[in-house]
Amino acid sequence: MPQRYFVEELNHEITGNDLHHILHVMRMKSHDEIIVCQHKQCFLVSITIEKDKVTYEIIKELETHQRAEITLFQGLPKGSKTEFIAKYATIFGVSNIVFVEMKRSIPKIENEDNKTRRLLSIAKEAAELAHRDDVPHISFQKNIQKIDFKSYDIVLLADENYKSKTLYEVLPDVKHDARIAMIIGPEGGISEQERNYLLEQNVVLVSLGELIFPTEAACLYILSYLSAKNS
């Protein structure tokens, strides 16, 4: 399978870190084939290498698959867990990741621009690894009450204290054009005040089973289920 790269423009030239990767990591040669993707469109291309410049010509456009749009609202966790989530939620098919500073979040949102660039870089590498058609959008939000949930078809709140309805009962089927949001609390879970507010927004409580997942892994359980139902 050809190596995949995400580009900002289809200008027939590879630049930046991808250029370095082709020349010095993959050690490619002229006429090697790669895949370039932009705005959910992917193309098989043939590259030409001239000194430190890599250009390409499109061979054909590749088929893309319509999938449900899944947004993760993740309570801001400690340390490198944001990087774990950016990488593995991307691999498991998330469309958007919003890190939310919640009442029980230990860290606070700081250096937002630098962190966003770092996490987008991680997500880009993960999307290439998973052979996705796109890279998820990543952002930060300081307050759950500033989020508009009305644009989603369903909003799921994973609650360890709620053991009644499972994912299968709440979402037995997933349409390809569905817009789904899921909310995961930080370490320690969401507060009672946040839970009450979300219930007022018609958020659907859902159980992830008898086992308790760490905050950085909980979304993967939901994403794997949605991926299976959406395939």
C-alpha atoms as a PDB file:
ATOM      1  CA  MET A   1       0.000   0.000   0.000  1.00  0.00           C
ATOM      2  CA  PRO A   2       1.534   3.375  -1.001  1.00  0.00           C
ATOM      3  CA  GLN A   3       2.504   5.843   1.706  1.00  0.00           C
ATOM      4  CA  ARG A   4      -0.215   8.426   2.382  1.00  0.00           C
ATOM      5  CA  TYR A   5       0.292  12.177   2.880  1.00  0.00           C
ATOM      6  CA  PHE A   6      -2.147  14.990   3.644  1.00  0.00           C
ATOM      7  CA  VAL A   7      -1.512  18.232   1.769  1.00  0.00           C
ATOM      8  CA  GLU A   8      -3.014  21.687   2.171  1.00  0.00           C
ATOM      9  CA  GLU A   9      -3.186  22.286  -1.584  1.00  0.00           C
ATOM     10  CA  LEU A  10      -3.084  20.070  -4.665  1.00  0.00           C
ATOM     11  CA  ASN A  11      -0.263  22.105  -6.202  1.00  0.00           C
ATOM     12  CA  HIS A  12       1.728  19.090  -7.453  1.00  0.00           C
ATOM     13  CA  GLU A  13       4.576  19.623  -4.981  1.00  0.00           C
ATOM     14  CA  ILE A  14       5.384  18.038  -1.618  1.00  0.00           C
ATOM     15  CA  THR A  15       6.864  20.368   0.996  1.00  0.00           C
ATOM     16  CA  GLY A  16       7.661  20.626   4.707  1.00  0.00           C
ATOM     17  CA  ASN A  17       7.929  17.566   6.918  1.00  0.00           C
ATOM     18  CA  ASP A  18       6.426  15.352   4.217  1.00  0.00           C
ATOM     19  CA  LEU A  19       9.259  16.324   1.873  1.00  0.00           C
ATOM     20  CA  HIS A  20      11.811  15.312   4.505  1.00  0.00           C
ATOM     21  CA  HIS A  21       9.943  12.049   5.123  1.00  0.00           C
ATOM     22  CA  ILE A  22       9.939  11.099   1.430  1.00  0.00           C
ATOM     23  CA  LEU A  23      13.593  11.976   0.858  1.00  0.00           C
ATOM     24  CA  HIS A  24      15.293  10.932   4.080  1.00  0.00           C
ATOM     25  CA  VAL A  25      13.007   8.459   5.865  1.00  0.00           C
ATOM     26  CA  MET A  26      11.354   6.544   3.046  1.00  0.00           C
ATOM     27  CA  ARG A  27      14.244   7.214   0.621  1.00  0.00           C
ATOM     28  CA  MET A  28      11.888   7.176  -2.326  1.00  0.00           C
ATOM     29  CA  LYS A  29      12.875   7.480  -5.951  1.00  0.00           C
ATOM     30  CA  SER A  30      11.319   9.085  -9.011  1.00  0.00           C
ATOM     31  CA  HIS A  31       8.288   7.203 -10.319  1.00  0.00           C
ATOM     32  CA  ASP A  32       7.457   5.807  -6.883  1.00  0.00           C
ATOM     33  CA  GLU A  33       3.759   6.059  -6.114  1.00  0.00           C
ATOM     34  CA  ILE A  34       2.208   7.715  -3.068  1.00  0.00           C
ATOM     35  CA  ILE A  35      -1.283   8.817  -2.067  1.00  0.00           C
ATOM     36  CA  VAL A  36      -2.035  12.491  -1.422  1.00  0.00           C
ATOM     37  CA  CYS A  37      -5.237  13.615   0.292  1.00  0.00           C
ATOM     38  CA  GLN A  38      -6.896  16.989   0.622  1.00  0.00           C
ATOM     39  CA  HIS A  39     -10.406  17.827   1.878  1.00  0.00           C
ATOM     40  CA  LYS A  40     -11.488  14.157   1.938  1.00  0.00           C
ATOM     41  CA  GLN A  41     -10.308  13.569  -1.632  1.00  0.00           C
ATOM     42  CA  CYS A  42      -7.413  11.172  -2.174  1.00  0.00           C
ATOM     43  CA  PHE A  43      -5.328  10.590  -5.285  1.00  0.00           C
ATOM     44  CA  LEU A  44      -2.782   8.016  -6.350  1.00  0.00           C
ATOM     45  CA  VAL A  45       0.178   9.969  -7.744  1.00  0.00           C
ATOM     46  CA  SER A  46       3.614   9.364  -9.211  1.00  0.00           C
ATOM     47  CA  ILE A  47       6.475  11.429  -7.807  1.00  0.00           C
ATOM     48  CA  THR A  48       9.485  13.021  -9.472  1.00  0.00           C
ATOM     49  CA  ILE A  49      12.558  13.846  -7.389  1.00  0.00           C
ATOM     50  CA  GLU A  50      15.004  16.532  -8.485  1.00  0.00           C
ATOM     51  CA  LYS A  51      17.651  17.245  -5.845  1.00  0.00           C
ATOM     52  CA  ASP A  52      15.658  18.466  -2.816  1.00  0.00           C
ATOM     53  CA  LYS A  53      12.385  18.964  -4.670  1.00  0.00           C
ATOM     54  CA  VAL A  54       9.530  16.463  -4.958  1.00  0.00           C
ATOM     55  CA  THR A  55       6.705  16.993  -7.435  1.00  0.00           C
ATOM     56  CA  TYR A  56       3.918  14.660  -8.457  1.00  0.00           C
ATOM     57  CA  GLU A  57       1.460  13.874 -11.223  1.00  0.00           C
ATOM     58  CA  ILE A  58      -1.993  12.481 -10.507  1.00  0.00           C
ATOM     59  CA  ILE A  59      -2.655   8.971 -11.774  1.00  0.00           C
ATOM     60  CA  LYS A  60      -6.235   8.598 -10.562  1.00  0.00           C
ATOM     61  CA  GLU A  61      -8.670   9.708  -7.890  1.00  0.00           C
ATOM     62  CA  LEU A  62      -9.375   7.084  -5.249  1.00  0.00           C
ATOM     63  CA  GLU A  63     -12.766   6.069  -3.927  1.00  0.00           C
ATOM     64  CA  THR A  64     -13.739   7.603  -0.592  1.00  0.00           C
ATOM     65  CA  HIS A  65     -16.296   6.323   1.873  1.00  0.00           C
ATOM     66  CA  GLN A  66     -19.018   8.340   3.569  1.00  0.00           C
ATOM     67  CA  ARG A  67     -19.046   7.828   7.310  1.00  0.00           C
ATOM     68  CA  ALA A  68     -20.914   9.302  10.236  1.00  0.00           C
ATOM     69  CA  GLU A  69     -19.458  12.522  11.636  1.00  0.00           C
ATOM     70  CA  ILE A  70     -18.373  11.772  15.192  1.00  0.00           C
ATOM     71  CA  THR A  71     -17.311  14.545  17.562  1.00  0.00           C
ATOM     72  CA  LEU A  72     -15.576  13.771  20.850  1.00  0.00           C
ATOM     73  CA  PHE A  73     -15.984  16.257  23.698  1.00  0.00           C
ATOM     74  CA  GLN A  74     -13.239  15.097  26.017  1.00  0.00           C
ATOM     75  CA  GLY A  75     -12.826  16.416  29.552  1.00  0.00           C
ATOM     76  CA  LEU A  76      -9.309  17.844  29.649  1.00  0.00           C
ATOM     77  CA  PRO A  77      -7.060  15.117  31.108  1.00  0.00           C
ATOM     78  CA  LYS A  78      -3.641  15.218  32.704  1.00  0.00           C
ATOM     79  CA  GLY A  79      -0.276  15.264  30.935  1.00  0.00           C
ATOM     80  CA  SER A  80       0.336  13.330  27.755  1.00  0.00           C
ATOM     81  CA  LYS A  81      -3.141  11.780  27.737  1.00  0.00           C
ATOM     82  CA  THR A  82      -4.225  14.465  25.261  1.00  0.00           C
ATOM     83  CA  GLU A  83      -1.628  13.109  22.822  1.00  0.00           C
ATOM     84  CA  PHE A  84      -2.817   9.537  23.374  1.00  0.00           C
ATOM     85  CA  ILE A  85      -6.395  10.626  22.621  1.00  0.00           C
ATOM     86  CA  ALA A  86      -5.375  12.626  19.533  1.00  0.00           C
ATOM     87  CA  LYS A  87      -3.530   9.622  18.121  1.00  0.00           C
ATOM     88  CA  TYR A  88      -5.848   6.755  18.901  1.00  0.00           C
ATOM     89  CA  ALA A  89      -9.187   8.531  18.523  1.00  0.00           C
ATOM     90  CA  THR A  90      -7.968   9.460  15.033  1.00  0.00           C
ATOM     91  CA  ILE A  91      -7.093   5.849  14.254  1.00  0.00           C
ATOM     92  CA  PHE A  92     -10.503   4.719  15.538  1.00  0.00           C
ATOM     93  CA  GLY A  93     -12.331   7.172  13.251  1.00  0.00           C
ATOM     94  CA  VAL A  94     -13.216  10.351  15.160  1.00  0.00           C
ATOM     95  CA  SER A  95     -14.084  13.401  13.033  1.00  0.00           C
ATOM     96  CA  ASN A  96     -13.531  16.179  15.597  1.00  0.00           C
ATOM     97  CA  ILE A  97     -11.931  16.349  19.031  1.00  0.00           C
ATOM     98  CA  VAL A  98     -12.784  19.135  21.472  1.00  0.00           C
ATOM     99  CA  PHE A  99     -10.841  19.131  24.729  1.00  0.00           C
ATOM    100  CA  VAL A 100     -13.073  20.739  27.347  1.00  0.00           C
ATOM    101  CA  GLU A 101     -11.926  22.202  30.637  1.00  0.00           C
ATOM    102  CA  MET A 102     -14.385  20.691  33.107  1.00  0.00           C
ATOM    103  CA  LYS A 103     -14.863  21.223  36.831  1.00  0.00           C
ATOM    104  CA  ARG A 104     -12.793  18.162  37.748  1.00  0.00           C
ATOM    105  CA  SER A 105     -10.100  18.740  35.128  1.00  0.00           C
ATOM    106  CA  ILE A 106      -6.797  19.030  36.965  1.00  0.00           C
ATOM    107  CA  PRO A 107      -4.893  20.948  34.244  1.00  0.00           C
ATOM    108  CA  LYS A 108      -6.089  24.222  32.756  1.00  0.00           C
ATOM    109  CA  ILE A 109      -6.050  25.282  29.125  1.00  0.00           C
ATOM    110  CA  GLU A 110      -2.762  27.103  28.461  1.00  0.00           C
ATOM    111  CA  ASN A 111      -0.658  27.706  25.334  1.00  0.00           C
ATOM    112  CA  GLU A 112      -3.669  26.674  23.296  1.00  0.00           C
ATOM    113  CA  ASP A 113      -2.180  27.458  19.872  1.00  0.00           C
ATOM    114  CA  ASN A 114       1.023  25.478  20.485  1.00  0.00           C
ATOM    115  CA  LYS A 115      -0.858  22.519  21.920  1.00  0.00           C
ATOM    116  CA  THR A 116      -3.293  22.506  19.010  1.00  0.00           C
ATOM    117  CA  ARG A 117      -0.448  22.455  16.472  1.00  0.00           C
ATOM    118  CA  ARG A 118       1.244  19.605  18.334  1.00  0.00           C
ATOM    119  CA  LEU A 119      -1.947  17.547  18.553  1.00  0.00           C
ATOM    120  CA  LEU A 120      -2.813  18.174  14.898  1.00  0.00           C
ATOM    121  CA  SER A 121       0.640  16.926  13.920  1.00  0.00           C
ATOM    122  CA  ILE A 122       0.034  13.747  15.941  1.00  0.00           C
ATOM    123  CA  ALA A 123      -3.416  13.333  14.411  1.00  0.00           C
ATOM    124  CA  LYS A 124      -2.012  13.801  10.888  1.00  0.00           C
ATOM    125  CA  GLU A 125       0.534  11.022  11.389  1.00  0.00           C
ATOM    126  CA  ALA A 126      -2.169   8.784  12.867  1.00  0.00           C
ATOM    127  CA  ALA A 127      -4.529   9.492   9.958  1.00  0.00           C
ATOM    128  CA  GLU A 128      -1.802   8.551   7.483  1.00  0.00           C
ATOM    129  CA  LEU A 129      -1.110   5.363   9.425  1.00  0.00           C
ATOM    130  CA  ALA A 130      -4.811   4.440   9.459  1.00  0.00           C
ATOM    131  CA  HIS A 131      -5.243   5.322   5.748  1.00  0.00           C
ATOM    132  CA  ARG A 132      -7.975   7.821   6.492  1.00  0.00           C
ATOM    133  CA  ASP A 133      -9.321  10.276   3.941  1.00  0.00           C
ATOM    134  CA  ASP A 134      -9.004  13.233   6.302  1.00  0.00           C
ATOM    135  CA  VAL A 135      -7.426  14.542   9.495  1.00  0.00           C
ATOM    136  CA  PRO A 136      -9.783  15.317  12.400  1.00  0.00           C
ATOM    137  CA  HIS A 137     -10.241  18.880  13.570  1.00  0.00           C
ATOM    138  CA  ILE A 138      -8.888  19.517  17.094  1.00  0.00           C
ATOM    139  CA  SER A 139      -9.775  22.428  19.379  1.00  0.00           C
ATOM    140  CA  PHE A 140     -10.117  23.483  23.020  1.00  0.00           C
ATOM    141  CA  GLN A 141     -13.130  24.822  24.931  1.00  0.00           C
ATOM    142  CA  LYS A 142     -13.001  26.357  28.407  1.00  0.00           C
ATOM    143  CA  ASN A 143     -16.602  25.624  29.409  1.00  0.00           C
ATOM    144  CA  ILE A 144     -19.023  22.822  28.511  1.00  0.00           C
ATOM    145  CA  GLN A 145     -21.906  25.306  28.755  1.00  0.00           C
ATOM    146  CA  LYS A 146     -20.556  27.266  25.787  1.00  0.00           C
ATOM    147  CA  ILE A 147     -21.003  24.310  23.431  1.00  0.00           C
ATOM    148  CA  ASP A 148     -24.031  24.187  21.136  1.00  0.00           C
ATOM    149  CA  PHE A 149     -25.254  20.590  20.986  1.00  0.00           C
ATOM    150  CA  LYS A 150     -28.326  21.325  18.855  1.00  0.00           C
ATOM    151  CA  SER A 151     -26.586  20.554  15.557  1.00  0.00           C
ATOM    152  CA  TYR A 152     -26.079  16.876  16.448  1.00  0.00           C
ATOM    153  CA  ASP A 153     -28.528  14.069  15.798  1.00  0.00           C
ATOM    154  CA  ILE A 154     -27.653  12.525  19.153  1.00  0.00           C
ATOM    155  CA  VAL A 155     -25.320  13.434  22.014  1.00  0.00           C
ATOM    156  CA  LEU A 156     -24.059  10.588  24.193  1.00  0.00           C
ATOM    157  CA  LEU A 157     -22.767  11.048  27.731  1.00  0.00           C
ATOM    158  CA  ALA A 158     -20.748   8.108  29.018  1.00  0.00           C
ATOM    159  CA  ASP A 159     -21.569   7.911  32.719  1.00  0.00           C
ATOM    160  CA  GLU A 160     -19.968   5.306  34.983  1.00  0.00           C
ATOM    161  CA  ASN A 161     -22.825   5.736  37.479  1.00  0.00           C
ATOM    162  CA  TYR A 162     -25.439   4.874  34.853  1.00  0.00           C
ATOM    163  CA  LYS A 163     -25.801   1.168  34.073  1.00  0.00           C
ATOM    164  CA  SER A 164     -29.178   0.958  32.297  1.00  0.00           C
ATOM    165  CA  LYS A 165     -28.865   1.605  28.545  1.00  0.00           C
ATOM    166  CA  THR A 166     -25.983   0.263  26.495  1.00  0.00           C
ATOM    167  CA  LEU A 167     -24.672   1.627  23.212  1.00  0.00           C
ATOM    168  CA  TYR A 168     -26.558  -1.083  21.339  1.00  0.00           C
ATOM    169  CA  GLU A 169     -29.832  -0.050  22.960  1.00  0.00           C
ATOM    170  CA  VAL A 170     -29.267   3.661  22.333  1.00  0.00           C
ATOM    171  CA  LEU A 171     -27.796   3.322  18.815  1.00  0.00           C
ATOM    172  CA  PRO A 172     -28.727  -0.050  17.278  1.00  0.00           C
ATOM    173  CA  ASP A 173     -27.904   1.397  13.837  1.00  0.00           C
ATOM    174  CA  VAL A 174     -25.715   4.258  12.650  1.00  0.00           C
ATOM    175  CA  LYS A 175     -26.535   6.088   9.409  1.00  0.00           C
ATOM    176  CA  HIS A 176     -23.664   7.222   7.215  1.00  0.00           C
ATOM    177  CA  ASP A 177     -24.866  10.841   7.319  1.00  0.00           C
ATOM    178  CA  ALA A 178     -25.433  10.919  11.095  1.00  0.00           C
ATOM    179  CA  ARG A 179     -23.877  13.617  13.285  1.00  0.00           C
ATOM    180  CA  ILE A 180     -22.986  12.065  16.625  1.00  0.00           C
ATOM    181  CA  ALA A 181     -21.381  13.685  19.663  1.00  0.00           C
ATOM    182  CA  MET A 182     -19.997  11.862  22.675  1.00  0.00           C
ATOM    183  CA  ILE A 183     -18.956  13.368  25.991  1.00  0.00           C
ATOM    184  CA  ILE A 184     -16.267  11.818  28.192  1.00  0.00           C
ATOM    185  CA  GLY A 185     -15.414  13.309  31.572  1.00  0.00           C
ATOM    186  CA  PRO A 186     -11.854  13.887  32.819  1.00  0.00           C
ATOM    187  CA  GLU A 187     -10.233  11.910  35.625  1.00  0.00           C
ATOM    188  CA  GLY A 188     -12.835  11.806  38.364  1.00  0.00           C
ATOM    189  CA  GLY A 189     -15.727  12.124  35.923  1.00  0.00           C
ATOM    190  CA  ILE A 190     -18.113  14.998  35.384  1.00  0.00           C
ATOM    191  CA  SER A 191     -19.585  16.960  38.276  1.00  0.00           C
ATOM    192  CA  GLU A 192     -23.232  16.748  39.305  1.00  0.00           C
ATOM    193  CA  GLN A 193     -23.734  20.324  38.111  1.00  0.00           C
ATOM    194  CA  GLU A 194     -22.345  19.476  34.669  1.00  0.00           C
ATOM    195  CA  ARG A 195     -24.436  16.299  34.485  1.00  0.00           C
ATOM    196  CA  ASN A 196     -27.631  18.202  35.302  1.00  0.00           C
ATOM    197  CA  TYR A 197     -26.841  20.861  32.706  1.00  0.00           C
ATOM    198  CA  LEU A 198     -26.209  18.228  30.024  1.00  0.00           C
ATOM    199  CA  LEU A 199     -29.431  16.414  30.828  1.00  0.00           C
ATOM    200  CA  GLU A 200     -31.245  19.711  30.263  1.00  0.00           C
ATOM    201  CA  GLN A 201     -29.696  19.692  26.758  1.00  0.00           C
ATOM    202  CA  ASN A 202     -31.355  16.334  26.007  1.00  0.00           C
ATOM    203  CA  VAL A 203     -28.067  14.469  26.224  1.00  0.00           C
ATOM    204  CA  VAL A 204     -28.504  10.685  26.311  1.00  0.00           C
ATOM    205  CA  LEU A 205     -26.838   8.803  29.155  1.00  0.00           C
ATOM    206  CA  VAL A 206     -25.153   5.597  28.078  1.00  0.00           C
ATOM    207  CA  SER A 207     -23.385   2.781  29.904  1.00  0.00           C
ATOM    208  CA  LEU A 208     -20.061   1.359  28.707  1.00  0.00           C
ATOM    209  CA  GLY A 209     -20.650  -1.830  30.671  1.00  0.00           C
ATOM    210  CA  GLU A 210     -19.510  -3.076  34.029  1.00  0.00           C
ATOM    211  CA  LEU A 211     -15.847  -2.190  33.594  1.00  0.00           C
ATOM    212  CA  ILE A 212     -14.493   1.297  34.330  1.00  0.00           C
ATOM    213  CA  PHE A 213     -12.276   2.733  31.581  1.00  0.00           C
ATOM    214  CA  PRO A 214      -9.599   5.386  32.124  1.00  0.00           C
ATOM    215  CA  THR A 215     -10.626   8.689  30.600  1.00  0.00           C
ATOM    216  CA  GLU A 216      -8.165   8.459  27.699  1.00  0.00           C
ATOM    217  CA  ALA A 217      -9.467   5.018  26.648  1.00  0.00           C
ATOM    218  CA  ALA A 218     -13.225   5.410  27.115  1.00  0.00           C
ATOM    219  CA  CYS A 219     -13.749   7.067  23.733  1.00  0.00           C
ATOM    220  CA  LEU A 220     -12.108   4.123  21.959  1.00  0.00           C
ATOM    221  CA  TYR A 221     -14.816   1.785  23.220  1.00  0.00           C
ATOM    222  CA  ILE A 222     -17.509   4.005  21.714  1.00  0.00           C
ATOM    223  CA  LEU A 223     -15.586   4.700  18.499  1.00  0.00           C
ATOM    224  CA  SER A 224     -14.971   1.004  17.849  1.00  0.00           C
ATOM    225  CA  TYR A 225     -18.694   0.311  18.236  1.00  0.00           C
ATOM    226  CA  LEU A 226     -19.692   3.197  15.951  1.00  0.00           C
ATOM    227  CA  SER A 227     -17.103   2.148  13.380  1.00  0.00           C
ATOM    228  CA  ALA A 228     -18.460  -1.385  13.270  1.00  0.00           C
ATOM    229  CA  LYS A 229     -22.034  -0.140  12.921  1.00  0.00           C
ATOM    230  CA  ASN A 230     -21.048   2.412  10.277  1.00  0.00           C
ATOM    231  CA  SER A 231     -18.992   0.108   8.042  1.00  0.00           C
END
